[in-house]
Amino acid sequence: MVNIGMTQTGFTSADIIRLRASFDASGQGHVFTFWDSLTTEQQQDLYTQLTELDIFRINQIYDTAVKKATDYTSNQAAIAHPLSAGAYESTLTVDSSSLQEWRELGLKLIAEGKVAVIFVAGCKGTRLGSSGPRGYYDINSPSGKTWFQSQAEHIIKLQKMARASNSVQHNVVITWYIITSGRTHDPIYSIFENNNYFGLEKENVLFVKQGILPCLTMEGKILMEDKYKVAVAADSNGGIYHALHNKGVITSLKERGILYSHCYDVDNCLTRAADPTFIGYSVAKNTDCGVKVVATAISKERVDAVEYFPISREVFEIRKTDCTLTFGTANIVNHFFSTEFLERIYTFSHELEYHIARKKIKHINLDSGEFITPELYNGMMLECFIFDVFPFTRNLSVLEVDLNEEFSLLKNIPDFATDCSETSRRDLVTQRLREFQAANGRKVRKDNNENLEVKVSSLVSIWW
């Protein structure tokens, strides 16, 4: 099993009748407006796309989003609460013995085959000036390795470390679930095939295509990008939960005996895949959902909780008696999940709050067939975020880590002031140099007195 939950092609007239009936019953039958005028190939394209849409779920998401799309401003002080002391620890202040215990527990669980990695890698590199998957984007690392290769080699080394530290005889496996999108699934699969999975066993690298949601009018009607194509958008990083259930990942986790997963996004070149310290901490806390955070240095800093949740600047700037920010940590899209929790999400998925993003959406006029480029907002995209499950956890735990060691965002074109390939490269090289020096390595200078850049392969050593 390599590709999970792939869509079948081909259809019969009976298939079309059933599909059309379901869309008619949901008030979305207009997607078949141009069906009779389409070529066979275009009909196949539209059929394939429509079968991937759960139209009843889409209507439910729309109804819930509209119902909850109220102004939170007046209630923010009431709904925003700081974490309780028991739910929070910091690697910057905790004693070294606790860090060691967490790390050893994490390595033990990895050695027992109970840990997987869920890598959210569906983004293209469009914002970076690249047409390929973001995980294959070249930040000009000294090693010349892409993020895909670096992560694969990191996993290989961690498997060996877990085996050695626990003196087990069998091969240790960290199953790697790579979340793709419609635009990146085939390219990512080809990259791994063409590179022999970067040294990993093929059967332990599984590709899962994340779902999409159609773009809607303000009244909840599906917009058509073309006569044979629905206007769609990715359902944001929170859409992975639906994909994990819909594409058989939960079943795969249970069949493999995996109890815990480390889930993170492709945008951070300092991520520590299957971090045993984080895993050990979360399991020791008996948590079902854990999250890594970093401290925000200033209140103007952009972080997930402010970017994606309607919290006002006034609430964000509330301070404690010691003048530090009350809400002073940032989610870096780096999470721990128990398999039990991931499975349970299905039971409350209908309650997850999707967020309305109003957009100018290009579409086909259903009456004239004319292509429309709107000048004003005419529709919406519905987005669910990975942290939207937090209210449903039974035991949420938070681990603060060092921003300089574990977070360097990549989202802008080269030469941009921040969060670009240059800053990612700088942060990666600087971090590796710190590790090198911590292991009693010495700085070496070039003839022109510049520091020689150091990049130790993950196959040789990872961050300790």
Protein backbone atom coordinates (compact mmCIF):
# COMPACT_ATOMS: atom_id res chain seq x y z
CA MET A 1 0.00 0.00 0.00
CA VAL A 2 1.55 3.26 -1.13
CA ASN A 3 -1.29 5.47 -2.32
CA ILE A 4 -4.20 5.47 0.12
CA GLY A 5 -7.76 6.09 -1.05
CA MET A 6 -7.19 6.73 -4.75
CA THR A 7 -10.19 7.66 -6.91
CA GLN A 8 -11.50 5.23 -9.52
CA THR A 9 -12.14 6.38 -13.09
CA GLY A 10 -14.89 5.46 -15.54
CA PHE A 11 -18.64 5.63 -15.05
CA THR A 12 -21.92 4.25 -16.34
CA SER A 13 -25.22 5.96 -17.07
CA ALA A 14 -26.53 4.53 -13.80
CA ASP A 15 -23.61 6.17 -11.98
CA ILE A 16 -24.55 9.54 -13.48
CA ILE A 17 -28.21 9.14 -12.53
CA ARG A 18 -27.29 8.39 -8.90
CA LEU A 19 -24.74 11.21 -8.72
CA ARG A 20 -27.09 13.72 -10.30
CA ALA A 21 -29.88 12.74 -7.93
CA SER A 22 -27.69 13.37 -4.89
CA PHE A 23 -26.70 16.84 -6.12
CA ASP A 24 -30.31 17.66 -7.04
CA ALA A 25 -31.46 16.60 -3.58
CA SER A 26 -28.84 18.88 -2.04
CA GLY A 27 -29.87 21.90 -4.06
CA GLN A 28 -26.68 21.80 -6.11
CA GLY A 29 -27.95 20.22 -9.32
CA HIS A 30 -26.79 23.24 -11.35
CA VAL A 31 -23.30 21.69 -11.56
CA PHE A 32 -24.73 19.55 -14.39
CA THR A 33 -25.96 22.60 -16.36
CA PHE A 34 -23.59 22.02 -19.29
CA TRP A 35 -23.32 18.22 -19.04
CA ASP A 36 -24.97 17.38 -22.35
CA SER A 37 -22.68 19.76 -24.27
CA LEU A 38 -19.44 18.35 -22.83
CA THR A 39 -17.06 16.02 -24.60
CA THR A 40 -16.57 12.51 -23.21
CA GLU A 41 -13.26 13.57 -21.72
CA GLN A 42 -14.80 16.64 -20.10
CA GLN A 43 -17.65 14.56 -18.69
CA GLN A 44 -15.08 12.21 -17.18
CA ASP A 45 -13.25 15.13 -15.59
CA LEU A 46 -16.42 16.56 -14.09
CA TYR A 47 -17.66 13.16 -12.92
CA THR A 48 -14.34 12.41 -11.22
CA GLN A 49 -14.35 15.77 -9.48
CA LEU A 50 -17.96 15.52 -8.32
CA THR A 51 -17.51 12.02 -6.89
CA GLU A 52 -14.76 13.41 -4.66
CA LEU A 53 -17.18 15.94 -3.16
CA ASP A 54 -19.32 14.91 -0.20
CA ILE A 55 -22.16 17.23 -1.09
CA PHE A 56 -24.16 16.63 2.10
CA ARG A 57 -21.08 17.41 4.20
CA ILE A 58 -20.42 20.55 2.14
CA ASN A 59 -23.94 21.86 2.77
CA GLN A 60 -23.56 21.07 6.47
CA ILE A 61 -20.22 22.92 6.64
CA TYR A 62 -21.76 25.93 4.94
CA ASP A 63 -24.76 26.01 7.27
CA THR A 64 -22.55 25.72 10.36
CA ALA A 65 -20.08 28.34 9.13
CA VAL A 66 -22.81 30.87 8.38
CA LYS A 67 -24.49 30.21 11.72
CA LYS A 68 -21.25 30.76 13.62
CA ALA A 69 -20.00 33.68 11.52
CA THR A 70 -20.77 36.25 14.19
CA ASP A 71 -18.72 39.11 15.52
CA TYR A 72 -16.51 37.74 18.30
CA THR A 73 -15.13 41.13 19.27
CA SER A 74 -17.47 41.84 22.19
CA ASN A 75 -16.93 38.38 23.68
CA GLN A 76 -13.20 37.90 23.17
CA ALA A 77 -12.16 38.64 26.73
CA ALA A 78 -14.62 36.00 27.90
CA ILE A 79 -13.72 33.27 25.40
CA ALA A 80 -9.94 33.68 25.53
CA HIS A 81 -8.36 32.07 28.58
CA PRO A 82 -4.67 31.49 29.36
CA LEU A 83 -3.52 27.89 29.76
CA SER A 84 -3.62 26.23 33.13
CA ALA A 85 -0.22 25.60 34.70
CA GLY A 86 -0.56 21.83 34.43
CA ALA A 87 -1.05 21.93 30.67
CA TYR A 88 2.17 23.80 29.95
CA GLU A 89 5.90 23.09 30.13
CA SER A 90 8.91 24.79 28.59
CA THR A 91 12.08 23.10 27.36
CA LEU A 92 13.81 26.38 28.19
CA THR A 93 13.16 26.15 31.93
CA VAL A 94 12.40 22.52 32.78
CA ASP A 95 15.13 20.52 34.52
CA SER A 96 17.46 18.40 32.40
CA SER A 97 16.33 15.16 34.05
CA SER A 98 12.78 15.68 32.80
CA LEU A 99 14.04 16.35 29.28
CA GLN A 100 16.08 13.14 29.44
CA GLU A 101 13.12 11.12 30.70
CA TRP A 102 10.87 12.44 27.93
CA ARG A 103 13.50 11.73 25.29
CA GLU A 104 14.10 8.18 26.51
CA LEU A 105 10.36 7.47 26.61
CA GLY A 106 9.97 8.83 23.08
CA LEU A 107 12.82 6.68 21.77
CA LYS A 108 11.32 3.62 23.49
CA LEU A 109 7.95 4.20 21.82
CA ILE A 110 9.65 4.68 18.46
CA ALA A 111 11.59 1.44 18.96
CA GLU A 112 8.29 -0.33 19.65
CA GLY A 113 6.84 0.91 16.35
CA LYS A 114 4.18 2.99 18.06
CA VAL A 115 5.04 6.35 16.44
CA ALA A 116 4.23 7.71 12.98
CA VAL A 117 4.93 10.98 11.22
CA ILE A 118 2.17 12.89 9.40
CA PHE A 119 3.81 15.39 7.07
CA VAL A 120 1.43 18.04 5.68
CA ALA A 121 3.15 18.66 2.35
CA GLY A 122 0.39 19.50 -0.13
CA CYS A 123 1.44 23.10 -0.80
CA LYS A 124 2.97 24.14 -4.08
CA GLY A 125 5.89 26.53 -4.11
CA THR A 126 3.95 29.20 -5.98
CA ARG A 127 4.54 31.88 -3.36
CA LEU A 128 8.23 31.02 -3.46
CA GLY A 129 8.43 31.46 -7.22
CA SER A 130 8.39 27.71 -7.93
CA SER A 131 5.86 25.51 -9.71
CA GLY A 132 6.82 22.33 -7.85
CA PRO A 133 5.87 20.99 -4.41
CA ARG A 134 7.15 23.15 -1.57
CA GLY A 135 8.96 20.20 0.00
CA TYR A 136 11.11 19.93 -3.12
CA TYR A 137 12.01 23.61 -3.14
CA ASP A 138 15.73 24.39 -3.05
CA ILE A 139 16.70 26.87 -0.31
CA ASN A 140 20.31 26.56 -1.44
CA SER A 141 21.27 24.45 1.55
CA PRO A 142 25.02 23.70 1.77
CA SER A 143 24.20 20.01 1.31
CA GLY A 144 22.07 20.67 -1.76
CA LYS A 145 19.36 18.43 -0.31
CA THR A 146 15.67 19.22 -0.51
CA TRP A 147 13.38 19.15 2.50
CA PHE A 148 11.96 15.79 1.40
CA GLN A 149 15.42 14.21 1.37
CA SER A 150 16.50 15.83 4.62
CA GLN A 151 13.38 14.59 6.41
CA ALA A 152 13.77 11.08 5.02
CA GLU A 153 17.39 10.89 6.17
CA HIS A 154 16.39 12.29 9.56
CA ILE A 155 13.84 9.48 9.94
CA ILE A 156 16.42 6.87 8.90
CA LYS A 157 18.87 8.10 11.54
CA LEU A 158 16.20 8.32 14.24
CA GLN A 159 15.12 4.73 13.56
CA LYS A 160 18.72 3.60 14.09
CA MET A 161 19.06 5.66 17.26
CA ALA A 162 15.85 4.23 18.73
CA ARG A 163 17.00 0.71 17.91
CA ALA A 164 20.42 1.22 19.48
CA SER A 165 19.19 3.00 22.61
CA ASN A 166 16.70 0.24 23.36
CA SER A 167 18.87 -2.71 22.25
CA VAL A 168 16.18 -4.21 20.04
CA GLN A 169 17.00 -6.79 17.38
CA HIS A 170 14.26 -5.99 14.88
CA ASN A 171 14.29 -3.12 12.41
CA VAL A 172 12.62 -0.02 13.79
CA VAL A 173 10.01 1.62 11.56
CA ILE A 174 8.62 5.14 11.70
CA THR A 175 5.76 5.09 9.20
CA TRP A 176 5.68 8.31 7.19
CA TYR A 177 2.28 9.55 5.99
CA ILE A 178 2.75 12.35 3.46
CA ILE A 179 -0.33 14.51 2.97
CA THR A 180 -0.54 15.75 -0.62
CA SER A 181 -3.04 17.81 -2.58
CA GLY A 182 -4.66 17.40 -5.97
CA ARG A 183 -2.00 19.63 -7.54
CA THR A 184 0.99 18.03 -5.84
CA HIS A 185 0.08 14.36 -5.36
CA ASP A 186 1.51 13.01 -8.61
CA PRO A 187 4.66 15.19 -8.57
CA ILE A 188 5.45 14.22 -4.96
CA TYR A 189 4.87 10.54 -5.65
CA SER A 190 7.15 10.73 -8.70
CA ILE A 191 9.87 12.51 -6.70
CA PHE A 192 9.97 9.69 -4.16
CA GLU A 193 9.78 6.98 -6.81
CA ASN A 194 12.60 8.54 -8.84
CA ASN A 195 14.79 8.92 -5.76
CA ASN A 196 14.27 5.43 -4.35
CA TYR A 197 12.37 6.93 -1.41
CA PHE A 198 15.61 8.54 -0.25
CA GLY A 199 16.67 5.30 1.41
CA LEU A 200 13.42 4.50 3.24
CA GLU A 201 11.43 1.32 2.66
CA LYS A 202 8.73 2.02 0.10
CA GLU A 203 6.02 0.24 2.07
CA ASN A 204 6.54 2.60 5.00
CA VAL A 205 6.03 5.81 3.02
CA LEU A 206 2.33 6.36 2.33
CA PHE A 207 0.83 9.16 0.25
CA VAL A 208 -2.56 10.58 1.19
CA LYS A 209 -4.33 13.12 -0.99
CA GLN A 210 -6.06 15.79 1.07
CA GLY A 211 -9.55 16.79 0.07
CA ILE A 212 -10.91 19.97 -1.43
CA LEU A 213 -13.98 22.07 -0.89
CA PRO A 214 -15.89 23.90 -3.61
CA CYS A 215 -16.01 27.67 -3.71
CA LEU A 216 -19.52 28.88 -2.93
CA THR A 217 -21.69 31.88 -3.53
CA MET A 218 -22.74 33.83 -0.46
CA GLU A 219 -25.96 31.80 -0.64
CA GLY A 220 -24.08 28.50 -0.51
CA LYS A 221 -24.31 27.50 -4.18
CA ILE A 222 -21.32 25.84 -5.84
CA LEU A 223 -19.45 28.04 -8.32
CA MET A 224 -18.23 26.55 -11.61
CA GLU A 225 -14.73 27.45 -12.78
CA ASP A 226 -15.53 26.07 -16.22
CA LYS A 227 -18.39 24.19 -17.81
CA TYR A 228 -16.78 20.92 -16.74
CA LYS A 229 -14.94 22.04 -13.63
CA VAL A 230 -16.06 23.09 -10.15
CA ALA A 231 -14.20 26.04 -8.64
CA VAL A 232 -12.39 24.53 -5.67
CA ALA A 233 -9.86 25.35 -2.98
CA ALA A 234 -7.91 23.24 -0.51
CA ASP A 235 -9.73 22.84 2.79
CA SER A 236 -6.70 24.28 4.67
CA ASN A 237 -4.53 22.30 7.07
CA GLY A 238 -7.51 21.31 9.20
CA GLY A 239 -8.76 19.33 6.23
CA ILE A 240 -6.27 16.61 7.04
CA TYR A 241 -8.65 15.20 9.64
CA HIS A 242 -11.27 14.41 7.03
CA ALA A 243 -8.57 12.93 4.78
CA LEU A 244 -7.22 10.71 7.57
CA HIS A 245 -10.67 9.17 7.99
CA ASN A 246 -11.82 9.24 4.39
CA LYS A 247 -8.60 7.83 2.89
CA GLY A 248 -8.07 4.95 5.30
CA VAL A 249 -5.23 6.35 7.40
CA ILE A 250 -6.93 5.63 10.73
CA THR A 251 -7.32 2.01 9.68
CA SER A 252 -3.68 1.93 8.59
CA LEU A 253 -2.49 3.35 11.92
CA LYS A 254 -4.44 0.75 13.88
CA GLU A 255 -3.30 -2.13 11.66
CA ARG A 256 0.31 -1.10 12.16
CA GLY A 257 -0.08 -0.78 15.92
CA ILE A 258 0.70 2.94 15.87
CA LEU A 259 -0.56 4.75 18.95
CA TYR A 260 0.88 8.23 18.42
CA SER A 261 1.60 10.56 15.52
CA HIS A 262 3.77 13.64 15.14
CA CYS A 263 2.11 16.00 12.65
CA TYR A 264 3.76 19.08 11.19
CA ASP A 265 3.72 21.40 8.21
CA VAL A 266 6.12 21.64 5.27
CA ASP A 267 6.88 25.34 5.81
CA ASN A 268 9.40 24.98 8.65
CA CYS A 269 12.93 23.80 7.83
CA LEU A 270 13.84 23.35 11.51
CA THR A 271 11.14 20.79 12.31
CA ARG A 272 12.36 17.73 14.21
CA ALA A 273 10.43 14.81 12.72
CA ALA A 274 9.15 12.32 15.30
CA ASP A 275 10.85 14.38 18.01
CA PRO A 276 11.21 11.85 20.86
CA THR A 277 11.31 14.60 23.50
CA PHE A 278 7.97 15.99 22.33
CA ILE A 279 6.47 12.52 21.99
CA GLY A 280 7.73 11.46 25.42
CA TYR A 281 6.44 14.66 27.00
CA SER A 282 2.99 14.25 25.47
CA VAL A 283 2.68 10.59 26.45
CA ALA A 284 3.96 11.28 29.97
CA LYS A 285 1.24 13.92 30.25
CA ASN A 286 -1.33 11.36 29.07
CA THR A 287 -2.40 13.85 26.43
CA ASP A 288 -4.51 13.12 23.39
CA CYS A 289 -3.42 16.29 21.60
CA GLY A 290 -0.17 18.16 22.13
CA VAL A 291 1.22 21.30 20.53
CA LYS A 292 4.62 22.94 20.32
CA VAL A 293 4.71 26.70 20.76
CA VAL A 294 7.30 29.46 20.80
CA ALA A 295 7.28 32.65 22.81
CA THR A 296 6.30 35.79 20.94
CA ALA A 297 8.92 38.44 21.47
CA ILE A 298 6.66 41.40 20.69
CA SER A 299 2.92 41.83 20.51
CA LYS A 300 3.04 42.77 16.80
CA GLU A 301 4.47 39.42 15.79
CA ARG A 302 2.33 37.37 13.39
CA VAL A 303 1.27 34.06 14.84
CA ASP A 304 -1.41 31.50 14.09
CA ALA A 305 -3.67 32.45 16.98
CA VAL A 306 -3.87 36.03 15.76
CA GLU A 307 -3.74 35.45 12.02
CA TYR A 308 -6.54 32.88 11.89
CA PHE A 309 -8.68 33.52 14.94
CA PRO A 310 -10.73 36.71 15.25
CA ILE A 311 -9.01 37.98 18.38
CA SER A 312 -8.52 41.71 18.71
CA ARG A 313 -5.21 43.48 19.17
CA GLU A 314 -6.47 44.74 22.54
CA VAL A 315 -7.03 41.22 23.83
CA PHE A 316 -3.73 39.99 22.41
CA GLU A 317 -1.85 42.76 24.23
CA ILE A 318 -3.25 41.93 27.68
CA ARG A 319 -0.29 41.46 30.02
CA LYS A 320 0.38 39.64 33.27
CA THR A 321 1.61 41.34 36.43
CA ASP A 322 5.20 40.68 35.32
CA CYS A 323 4.45 42.57 32.06
CA THR A 324 4.74 39.49 29.86
CA LEU A 325 1.94 38.79 27.39
CA THR A 326 -0.96 36.78 28.79
CA PHE A 327 -1.39 35.16 25.38
CA GLY A 328 2.31 35.19 24.60
CA THR A 329 2.96 31.95 22.74
CA ALA A 330 2.55 31.04 19.09
CA ASN A 331 1.39 27.79 17.52
CA ILE A 332 4.04 26.69 14.99
CA VAL A 333 1.84 23.99 13.37
CA ASN A 334 3.65 21.17 15.14
CA HIS A 335 1.34 18.70 16.86
CA PHE A 336 1.11 15.37 18.67
CA PHE A 337 -1.99 13.21 18.33
CA SER A 338 -2.98 9.92 19.86
CA THR A 339 -4.54 7.52 17.38
CA GLU A 340 -7.54 7.29 19.70
CA PHE A 341 -8.07 11.04 19.39
CA LEU A 342 -7.67 11.04 15.60
CA GLU A 343 -10.26 8.28 15.39
CA ARG A 344 -12.61 10.15 17.73
CA ILE A 345 -12.54 13.30 15.58
CA TYR A 346 -15.07 11.65 13.27
CA THR A 347 -17.65 11.73 16.07
CA PHE A 348 -17.51 15.52 16.40
CA SER A 349 -16.39 16.50 12.90
CA HIS A 350 -19.82 17.98 12.19
CA GLU A 351 -19.20 20.45 15.03
CA LEU A 352 -15.87 21.73 13.74
CA GLU A 353 -16.09 25.40 12.93
CA TYR A 354 -15.18 26.27 9.36
CA HIS A 355 -14.16 29.84 8.74
CA ILE A 356 -15.53 31.94 5.89
CA ALA A 357 -12.98 33.65 3.68
CA ARG A 358 -14.71 36.04 1.30
CA LYS A 359 -13.04 36.09 -2.11
CA LYS A 360 -13.30 37.34 -5.69
CA ILE A 361 -13.86 34.03 -7.44
CA LYS A 362 -13.67 33.64 -11.20
CA HIS A 363 -16.52 31.52 -12.52
CA ILE A 364 -18.83 30.61 -15.39
CA ASN A 365 -22.20 32.33 -15.73
CA LEU A 366 -24.69 29.46 -15.76
CA ASP A 367 -27.11 31.27 -18.07
CA SER A 368 -24.72 32.50 -20.75
CA GLY A 369 -21.69 30.26 -20.28
CA GLU A 370 -19.61 33.43 -20.14
CA PHE A 371 -16.45 33.48 -18.00
CA ILE A 372 -16.72 36.11 -15.26
CA THR A 373 -13.86 37.89 -13.50
CA PRO A 374 -15.54 39.71 -10.61
CA GLU A 375 -14.40 43.09 -9.34
CA LEU A 376 -16.12 42.65 -5.99
CA TYR A 377 -16.31 39.79 -3.51
CA ASN A 378 -18.79 37.34 -4.94
CA GLY A 379 -18.18 34.15 -3.03
CA MET A 380 -16.45 32.33 -0.24
CA MET A 381 -13.91 29.66 0.53
CA LEU A 382 -14.46 27.57 3.65
CA GLU A 383 -11.42 26.81 5.76
CA CYS A 384 -10.82 24.56 8.75
CA PHE A 385 -7.57 24.87 10.67
CA ILE A 386 -5.56 22.20 12.40
CA PHE A 387 -6.10 23.80 15.80
CA ASP A 388 -9.90 23.83 15.47
CA VAL A 389 -9.99 20.43 17.22
CA PHE A 390 -8.46 21.82 20.43
CA PRO A 391 -11.81 22.47 22.19
CA PHE A 392 -12.67 18.77 21.78
CA THR A 393 -9.54 17.36 23.41
CA ARG A 394 -9.77 15.62 26.75
CA ASN A 395 -6.24 16.52 27.77
CA LEU A 396 -4.45 19.19 25.73
CA SER A 397 -0.79 19.78 26.55
CA VAL A 398 1.56 22.50 25.35
CA LEU A 399 5.35 22.40 25.13
CA GLU A 400 7.29 25.61 24.61
CA VAL A 401 10.47 25.25 22.57
CA ASP A 402 13.25 27.59 21.51
CA LEU A 403 12.20 29.61 18.47
CA ASN A 404 15.79 29.77 17.19
CA GLU A 405 16.13 26.00 17.37
CA GLU A 406 12.79 24.87 16.00
CA PHE A 407 11.09 27.49 13.86
CA SER A 408 12.06 29.16 10.60
CA LEU A 409 9.11 29.87 8.33
CA LEU A 410 9.35 29.62 4.55
CA LYS A 411 6.52 31.35 2.70
CA ASN A 412 7.91 34.27 0.67
CA ILE A 413 9.85 34.73 -2.54
CA PRO A 414 13.66 35.00 -2.38
CA ASP A 415 15.06 38.38 -1.32
CA PHE A 416 11.96 39.10 0.74
CA ALA A 417 12.83 40.64 4.10
CA THR A 418 11.55 37.72 6.18
CA ASP A 419 10.39 34.10 5.94
CA CYS A 420 12.14 33.42 2.62
CA SER A 421 14.73 30.95 1.35
CA GLU A 422 17.60 33.16 2.51
CA THR A 423 16.33 33.37 6.09
CA SER A 424 15.55 29.64 6.14
CA ARG A 425 19.04 28.84 4.89
CA ARG A 426 20.60 31.21 7.42
CA ASP A 427 18.64 29.72 10.32
CA LEU A 428 19.40 26.16 9.24
CA VAL A 429 23.15 26.79 8.88
CA THR A 430 23.29 28.71 12.17
CA GLN A 431 21.48 25.94 14.01
CA ARG A 432 23.77 23.25 12.62
CA LEU A 433 26.81 25.32 13.60
CA ARG A 434 25.52 25.53 17.18
CA GLU A 435 25.14 21.75 17.24
CA PHE A 436 28.62 21.33 15.79
CA GLN A 437 30.13 23.57 18.46
CA ALA A 438 28.12 21.88 21.22
CA ALA A 439 29.82 18.63 20.17
CA ASN A 440 33.21 20.36 20.67
CA GLY A 441 33.61 21.19 17.00
CA ARG A 442 35.66 24.27 16.19
CA LYS A 443 34.85 27.06 13.79
CA VAL A 444 36.96 26.93 10.66
CA ARG A 445 37.54 30.03 8.58
CA LYS A 446 38.10 30.36 4.87
CA ASP A 447 41.13 32.14 3.43
CA ASN A 448 39.10 35.36 3.29
CA ASN A 449 38.42 35.01 7.04
CA GLU A 450 34.75 34.13 6.55
CA ASN A 451 33.32 31.32 8.65
CA LEU A 452 33.15 27.99 6.83
CA GLU A 453 29.57 26.78 6.64
CA VAL A 454 28.81 23.52 8.38
CA LYS A 455 26.04 21.08 7.51
CA VAL A 456 26.27 17.66 9.15
CA SER A 457 24.19 15.06 7.33
CA SER A 458 21.21 13.73 9.25
CA LEU A 459 22.44 10.25 8.33
CA VAL A 460 25.46 10.96 10.55
CA SER A 461 23.95 12.98 13.36
CA ILE A 462 20.76 14.76 14.33
CA TRP A 463 20.24 17.49 16.83
CA TRP A 464 21.97 15.96 19.87
